[in-house]
Amino acid sequence: MKNKEQWIANVLESANQIAESKPSPFLFQKIKNKIELQAQLPKPATNQFNYKWAFAFVAIIALNTFALYVNMHKSNRLKTINSIELNNQTIYNY
């Protein structure tokens, strides 16, 4: 137990010997210049225009899919009605 405590004390003591690093004297000026350059750059256009086109595209696809679905079911019903009428005509013709 004492060995473990001494080891912990040695590790903590070794941290006291670490020297503090000094930043470059020009580091603050570099960071300041980058921030100023970013502020001067023109802002990119918002993506609302792109979102509107994407929404329009999805709406057109959805409407087309709905129209195809309705048309397919109408044609199936018409085929059924036509076959029933054809059968009726065949029966009445004889």
N, C-alpha and C. Protein backbone atom coordinates (compact mmCIF):
# COMPACT_ATOMS: atom_id res chain seq x y z
N MET A 1 0.83 -1.18 0.00
CA MET A 1 0.00 0.00 0.00
C MET A 1 0.88 1.26 0.00
N LYS A 2 1.92 1.23 0.80
CA LYS A 2 2.81 2.38 0.89
C LYS A 2 3.56 2.57 -0.43
N ASN A 3 3.90 1.44 -1.06
CA ASN A 3 4.58 1.50 -2.36
C ASN A 3 3.71 2.22 -3.38
N LYS A 4 2.45 1.89 -3.38
CA LYS A 4 1.51 2.48 -4.32
C LYS A 4 1.38 3.98 -4.08
N GLU A 5 1.30 4.39 -2.82
CA GLU A 5 1.19 5.81 -2.49
C GLU A 5 2.45 6.57 -2.88
N GLN A 6 3.60 5.93 -2.69
CA GLN A 6 4.87 6.57 -3.06
C GLN A 6 4.95 6.71 -4.58
N TRP A 7 4.49 5.72 -5.29
CA TRP A 7 4.51 5.79 -6.76
C TRP A 7 3.61 6.94 -7.24
N ILE A 8 2.43 7.07 -6.64
CA ILE A 8 1.52 8.17 -6.99
C ILE A 8 2.17 9.51 -6.69
N ALA A 9 2.83 9.60 -5.55
CA ALA A 9 3.50 10.86 -5.17
C ALA A 9 4.61 11.19 -6.15
N ASN A 10 5.35 10.17 -6.60
CA ASN A 10 6.43 10.39 -7.57
C ASN A 10 5.87 10.87 -8.91
N VAL A 11 4.75 10.29 -9.33
CA VAL A 11 4.14 10.69 -10.60
C VAL A 11 3.67 12.14 -10.51
N LEU A 12 3.01 12.48 -9.42
CA LEU A 12 2.54 13.85 -9.25
C LEU A 12 3.70 14.83 -9.15
N GLU A 13 4.77 14.43 -8.50
CA GLU A 13 5.96 15.28 -8.36
C GLU A 13 6.62 15.50 -9.72
N SER A 14 6.59 14.49 -10.58
CA SER A 14 7.21 14.63 -11.90
C SER A 14 6.45 15.65 -12.75
N ALA A 15 5.18 15.82 -12.47
CA ALA A 15 4.40 16.82 -13.21
C ALA A 15 4.87 18.24 -12.87
N ASN A 16 5.44 18.44 -11.72
CA ASN A 16 5.92 19.77 -11.34
C ASN A 16 7.16 20.17 -12.14
N GLN A 17 7.86 19.20 -12.70
CA GLN A 17 9.08 19.48 -13.44
C GLN A 17 8.81 19.83 -14.91
N ILE A 18 7.58 19.74 -15.33
CA ILE A 18 7.25 20.05 -16.72
C ILE A 18 7.33 21.56 -16.92
N ALA A 19 8.06 21.95 -17.95
CA ALA A 19 8.23 23.38 -18.23
C ALA A 19 7.03 23.89 -19.02
N GLU A 20 6.64 25.12 -18.76
CA GLU A 20 5.51 25.71 -19.46
C GLU A 20 5.97 26.13 -20.86
N SER A 21 5.16 25.78 -21.85
CA SER A 21 5.56 26.13 -23.22
C SER A 21 5.17 27.57 -23.52
N LYS A 22 5.99 28.22 -24.30
CA LYS A 22 5.76 29.62 -24.65
C LYS A 22 5.29 29.66 -26.11
N PRO A 23 4.16 30.31 -26.37
CA PRO A 23 3.69 30.40 -27.77
C PRO A 23 4.55 31.38 -28.56
N SER A 24 4.48 31.24 -29.86
CA SER A 24 5.20 32.14 -30.74
C SER A 24 4.66 33.56 -30.54
N PRO A 25 5.52 34.57 -30.56
CA PRO A 25 5.03 35.94 -30.36
C PRO A 25 4.11 36.39 -31.50
N PHE A 26 4.18 35.73 -32.65
CA PHE A 26 3.36 36.11 -33.79
C PHE A 26 2.06 35.30 -33.88
N LEU A 27 1.87 34.39 -32.96
CA LEU A 27 0.69 33.52 -33.02
C LEU A 27 -0.60 34.34 -32.89
N PHE A 28 -0.64 35.26 -31.95
CA PHE A 28 -1.85 36.07 -31.76
C PHE A 28 -2.15 36.87 -33.02
N GLN A 29 -1.10 37.44 -33.64
CA GLN A 29 -1.29 38.24 -34.85
C GLN A 29 -1.79 37.36 -36.00
N LYS A 30 -1.29 36.14 -36.13
CA LYS A 30 -1.74 35.22 -37.18
C LYS A 30 -3.23 34.90 -37.02
N ILE A 31 -3.61 34.60 -35.79
CA ILE A 31 -5.02 34.27 -35.53
C ILE A 31 -5.90 35.48 -35.81
N LYS A 32 -5.47 36.64 -35.39
CA LYS A 32 -6.24 37.87 -35.61
C LYS A 32 -6.39 38.14 -37.11
N ASN A 33 -5.34 37.95 -37.88
CA ASN A 33 -5.40 38.18 -39.33
C ASN A 33 -6.36 37.21 -40.01
N LYS A 34 -6.34 35.96 -39.59
CA LYS A 34 -7.25 34.96 -40.18
C LYS A 34 -8.70 35.32 -39.89
N ILE A 35 -8.97 35.76 -38.67
CA ILE A 35 -10.35 36.14 -38.32
C ILE A 35 -10.79 37.34 -39.15
N GLU A 36 -9.90 38.32 -39.32
CA GLU A 36 -10.25 39.50 -40.12
C GLU A 36 -10.47 39.13 -41.58
N LEU A 37 -9.65 38.24 -42.12
CA LEU A 37 -9.82 37.81 -43.52
C LEU A 37 -11.15 37.07 -43.70
N GLN A 38 -11.51 36.25 -42.75
CA GLN A 38 -12.78 35.53 -42.83
C GLN A 38 -13.95 36.49 -42.79
N ALA A 39 -13.82 37.57 -42.01
CA ALA A 39 -14.90 38.55 -41.91
C ALA A 39 -15.04 39.33 -43.21
N GLN A 40 -13.94 39.51 -43.95
CA GLN A 40 -13.98 40.28 -45.19
C GLN A 40 -14.48 39.46 -46.38
N LEU A 41 -14.40 38.15 -46.30
CA LEU A 41 -14.84 37.32 -47.42
C LEU A 41 -16.35 37.43 -47.60
N PRO A 42 -16.81 37.40 -48.85
CA PRO A 42 -18.27 37.47 -49.05
C PRO A 42 -18.95 36.22 -48.51
N LYS A 43 -20.09 36.43 -47.94
CA LYS A 43 -20.84 35.31 -47.37
C LYS A 43 -21.44 34.48 -48.50
N PRO A 44 -21.38 33.17 -48.40
CA PRO A 44 -22.00 32.34 -49.43
C PRO A 44 -23.52 32.47 -49.37
N ALA A 45 -24.14 32.32 -50.53
CA ALA A 45 -25.60 32.43 -50.59
C ALA A 45 -26.23 31.32 -49.77
N THR A 46 -27.36 31.63 -49.20
CA THR A 46 -28.03 30.61 -48.40
C THR A 46 -28.56 29.52 -49.31
N ASN A 47 -28.78 28.38 -48.76
CA ASN A 47 -29.24 27.23 -49.53
C ASN A 47 -30.75 27.16 -49.66
N GLN A 48 -31.45 28.23 -49.31
CA GLN A 48 -32.91 28.21 -49.43
C GLN A 48 -33.33 28.01 -50.87
N PHE A 49 -32.59 28.59 -51.79
CA PHE A 49 -32.92 28.45 -53.20
C PHE A 49 -32.82 26.97 -53.60
N ASN A 50 -31.76 26.32 -53.16
CA ASN A 50 -31.59 24.90 -53.47
C ASN A 50 -32.68 24.05 -52.82
N TYR A 51 -33.06 24.41 -51.60
CA TYR A 51 -34.10 23.65 -50.91
C TYR A 51 -35.44 23.78 -51.63
N LYS A 52 -35.71 24.97 -52.17
CA LYS A 52 -36.95 25.16 -52.91
C LYS A 52 -36.99 24.28 -54.15
N TRP A 53 -35.87 24.23 -54.87
CA TRP A 53 -35.82 23.38 -56.06
C TRP A 53 -35.94 21.91 -55.69
N ALA A 54 -35.30 21.51 -54.61
CA ALA A 54 -35.39 20.11 -54.17
C ALA A 54 -36.82 19.77 -53.79
N PHE A 55 -37.50 20.68 -53.08
CA PHE A 55 -38.89 20.44 -52.70
C PHE A 55 -39.76 20.35 -53.94
N ALA A 56 -39.54 21.24 -54.92
CA ALA A 56 -40.33 21.20 -56.16
C ALA A 56 -40.11 19.89 -56.90
N PHE A 57 -38.88 19.43 -56.95
CA PHE A 57 -38.58 18.17 -57.63
C PHE A 57 -39.29 17.00 -56.95
N VAL A 58 -39.22 16.95 -55.63
CA VAL A 58 -39.87 15.87 -54.89
C VAL A 58 -41.39 15.94 -55.08
N ALA A 59 -41.94 17.15 -55.08
CA ALA A 59 -43.39 17.29 -55.28
C ALA A 59 -43.81 16.82 -56.66
N ILE A 60 -43.03 17.14 -57.67
CA ILE A 60 -43.36 16.69 -59.03
C ILE A 60 -43.29 15.17 -59.13
N ILE A 61 -42.28 14.59 -58.55
CA ILE A 61 -42.15 13.12 -58.57
C ILE A 61 -43.33 12.49 -57.84
N ALA A 62 -43.71 13.06 -56.70
CA ALA A 62 -44.84 12.50 -55.94
C ALA A 62 -46.14 12.62 -56.73
N LEU A 63 -46.37 13.76 -57.36
CA LEU A 63 -47.59 13.92 -58.16
C LEU A 63 -47.61 12.96 -59.35
N ASN A 64 -46.49 12.81 -60.01
CA ASN A 64 -46.43 11.87 -61.13
C ASN A 64 -46.68 10.44 -60.67
N THR A 65 -46.11 10.07 -59.56
CA THR A 65 -46.32 8.71 -59.03
C THR A 65 -47.79 8.51 -58.68
N PHE A 66 -48.41 9.51 -58.06
CA PHE A 66 -49.82 9.42 -57.71
C PHE A 66 -50.67 9.30 -58.98
N ALA A 67 -50.35 10.10 -60.00
CA ALA A 67 -51.11 10.06 -61.25
C ALA A 67 -50.97 8.69 -61.92
N LEU A 68 -49.79 8.14 -61.93
CA LEU A 68 -49.59 6.81 -62.52
C LEU A 68 -50.36 5.75 -61.75
N TYR A 69 -50.36 5.86 -60.44
CA TYR A 69 -51.06 4.90 -59.60
C TYR A 69 -52.57 4.96 -59.88
N VAL A 70 -53.13 6.16 -59.94
CA VAL A 70 -54.56 6.32 -60.19
C VAL A 70 -54.90 5.84 -61.59
N ASN A 71 -54.08 6.20 -62.57
CA ASN A 71 -54.32 5.81 -63.95
C ASN A 71 -54.25 4.29 -64.11
N MET A 72 -53.32 3.66 -63.41
CA MET A 72 -53.18 2.21 -63.51
C MET A 72 -54.44 1.52 -62.98
N HIS A 73 -54.96 2.01 -61.86
CA HIS A 73 -56.16 1.41 -61.30
C HIS A 73 -57.38 1.69 -62.16
N LYS A 74 -57.43 2.87 -62.79
CA LYS A 74 -58.54 3.17 -63.70
C LYS A 74 -58.51 2.23 -64.89
N SER A 75 -57.33 2.01 -65.44
CA SER A 75 -57.24 1.14 -66.61
C SER A 75 -57.61 -0.30 -66.24
N ASN A 76 -57.25 -0.72 -65.04
CA ASN A 76 -57.64 -2.07 -64.60
C ASN A 76 -59.16 -2.17 -64.45
N ARG A 77 -59.77 -1.11 -63.92
CA ARG A 77 -61.23 -1.11 -63.79
C ARG A 77 -61.90 -1.08 -65.16
N LEU A 78 -61.33 -0.30 -66.07
CA LEU A 78 -61.90 -0.24 -67.41
C LEU A 78 -61.78 -1.59 -68.12
N LYS A 79 -60.67 -2.26 -67.92
CA LYS A 79 -60.51 -3.59 -68.51
C LYS A 79 -61.56 -4.55 -67.96
N THR A 80 -61.78 -4.47 -66.66
CA THR A 80 -62.78 -5.33 -66.04
C THR A 80 -64.17 -5.00 -66.58
N ILE A 81 -64.48 -3.70 -66.67
CA ILE A 81 -65.80 -3.29 -67.18
C ILE A 81 -65.94 -3.71 -68.64
N ASN A 82 -64.92 -3.52 -69.43
CA ASN A 82 -64.97 -3.91 -70.84
C ASN A 82 -65.15 -5.42 -71.00
N SER A 83 -64.47 -6.19 -70.16
CA SER A 83 -64.63 -7.64 -70.29
C SER A 83 -66.05 -8.07 -69.87
N ILE A 84 -66.61 -7.40 -68.87
CA ILE A 84 -67.99 -7.72 -68.45
C ILE A 84 -68.95 -7.35 -69.57
N GLU A 85 -68.75 -6.17 -70.18
CA GLU A 85 -69.63 -5.77 -71.29
C GLU A 85 -69.48 -6.70 -72.48
N LEU A 86 -68.27 -7.14 -72.75
CA LEU A 86 -68.04 -8.07 -73.85
C LEU A 86 -68.76 -9.39 -73.58
N ASN A 87 -68.70 -9.83 -72.33
CA ASN A 87 -69.41 -11.06 -71.98
C ASN A 87 -70.91 -10.87 -72.12
N ASN A 88 -71.43 -9.71 -71.71
CA ASN A 88 -72.87 -9.45 -71.84
C ASN A 88 -73.29 -9.42 -73.30
N GLN A 89 -72.46 -8.76 -74.11
CA GLN A 89 -72.78 -8.70 -75.53
C GLN A 89 -72.79 -10.09 -76.15
N THR A 90 -71.84 -10.90 -75.75
CA THR A 90 -71.74 -12.25 -76.30
C THR A 90 -72.98 -13.05 -75.91
N ILE A 91 -73.41 -12.90 -74.68
CA ILE A 91 -74.58 -13.64 -74.21
C ILE A 91 -75.83 -13.17 -74.95
N TYR A 92 -75.97 -11.85 -75.09
CA TYR A 92 -77.19 -11.32 -75.73
C TYR A 92 -77.21 -11.55 -77.23
N ASN A 93 -76.07 -11.72 -77.84
CA ASN A 93 -76.03 -11.94 -79.28
C ASN A 93 -76.51 -13.36 -79.62
N TYR A 94 -76.48 -14.24 -78.72
CA TYR A 94 -76.90 -15.62 -79.03
C TYR A 94 -78.23 -15.86 -78.47
